[in-house]
Amino acid sequence: MNKCELANSVKSSLDQYFKDLDGEPPHAIYDMVLSCIEKPLLEYVMQHATGNQSKAAEILGLNRNTLRKKIQQYNIE
């Protein structure tokens, strides 16, 4: 999947989200989207890096301490 396909998936999911609101006002979409995407991203990359946080941080383009905080935030083992 390239970047454009990922963007299209996000747009499609947001289209469905707004349809499902059925007129209710949206709230805190930014945080909702980030939390829905960030945890599986971190889990996948950690698995790809076979649990090596330094390697995962490099793949993600994050500082290792930032990655460690996010792992704790999402209770990823």
Protein backbone atom coordinates (compact mmCIF):
# COMPACT_ATOMS: atom_id res chain seq x y z
CA MET A 1 0.00 0.00 0.00
CA ASN A 2 1.45 3.35 -0.94
CA LYS A 3 0.87 6.68 0.81
CA CYS A 4 -2.05 7.61 -1.45
CA GLU A 5 -3.81 4.32 -0.73
CA LEU A 6 -3.43 4.89 3.00
CA ALA A 7 -4.82 8.43 2.64
CA ASN A 8 -7.76 7.05 0.66
CA SER A 9 -8.43 4.50 3.40
CA VAL A 10 -8.47 7.24 6.03
CA LYS A 11 -10.81 9.38 3.91
CA SER A 12 -13.12 6.44 3.35
CA SER A 13 -13.20 5.65 7.07
CA LEU A 14 -13.93 9.29 7.90
CA ASP A 15 -16.73 9.37 5.32
CA GLN A 16 -18.28 6.39 7.08
CA TYR A 17 -17.72 7.95 10.51
CA PHE A 18 -19.58 11.12 9.53
CA LYS A 19 -22.41 9.09 7.99
CA ASP A 20 -22.69 7.06 11.20
CA LEU A 21 -22.96 10.26 13.27
CA ASP A 22 -26.36 10.76 11.65
CA GLY A 23 -26.40 14.49 12.32
CA GLU A 24 -24.74 14.39 15.73
CA PRO A 25 -21.84 16.87 16.04
CA PRO A 26 -18.36 15.36 15.74
CA HIS A 27 -15.97 15.69 18.67
CA ALA A 28 -12.19 15.23 19.10
CA ILE A 29 -11.70 13.62 15.69
CA TYR A 30 -7.98 14.35 15.60
CA ASP A 31 -7.25 12.41 18.80
CA MET A 32 -9.64 9.62 17.77
CA VAL A 33 -7.95 9.13 14.41
CA LEU A 34 -4.45 9.24 15.88
CA SER A 35 -5.25 6.71 18.58
CA CYS A 36 -6.95 4.40 16.06
CA ILE A 37 -3.94 4.49 13.74
CA GLU A 38 -1.00 4.92 16.10
CA LYS A 39 -1.43 1.81 18.26
CA PRO A 40 -1.66 -0.73 15.40
CA LEU A 41 1.20 1.07 13.63
CA LEU A 42 3.42 0.79 16.69
CA GLU A 43 2.43 -2.84 17.27
CA TYR A 44 3.16 -3.76 13.67
CA VAL A 45 6.54 -2.04 13.56
CA MET A 46 7.55 -3.49 16.94
CA GLN A 47 6.69 -6.95 15.63
CA HIS A 48 8.61 -6.26 12.41
CA ALA A 49 11.60 -5.16 14.51
CA THR A 50 11.23 -8.32 16.63
CA GLY A 51 10.76 -6.22 19.77
CA ASN A 52 13.91 -4.15 19.29
CA GLN A 53 12.88 -0.63 20.32
CA SER A 54 15.95 1.03 18.81
CA LYS A 55 15.30 -0.58 15.44
CA ALA A 56 11.57 0.21 15.62
CA ALA A 57 12.29 3.84 16.54
CA GLU A 58 14.60 4.13 13.54
CA ILE A 59 11.97 2.63 11.21
CA LEU A 60 9.34 5.03 12.57
CA GLY A 61 11.64 8.05 12.58
CA LEU A 62 11.11 8.56 16.30
CA ASN A 63 13.43 9.04 19.22
CA ARG A 64 13.68 5.79 21.22
CA ASN A 65 12.45 7.54 24.38
CA THR A 66 9.41 8.84 22.49
CA LEU A 67 8.69 5.33 21.24
CA ARG A 68 9.05 3.94 24.76
CA LYS A 69 6.51 6.50 26.07
CA LYS A 70 4.07 5.60 23.31
CA ILE A 71 4.49 1.89 24.02
CA GLN A 72 3.61 2.58 27.67
CA GLN A 73 0.73 4.88 26.69
CA TYR A 74 -0.90 2.16 24.56
CA ASN A 75 0.09 -0.75 26.87
CA ILE A 76 1.98 -2.50 24.10
CA GLU A 77 4.08 -5.45 25.20
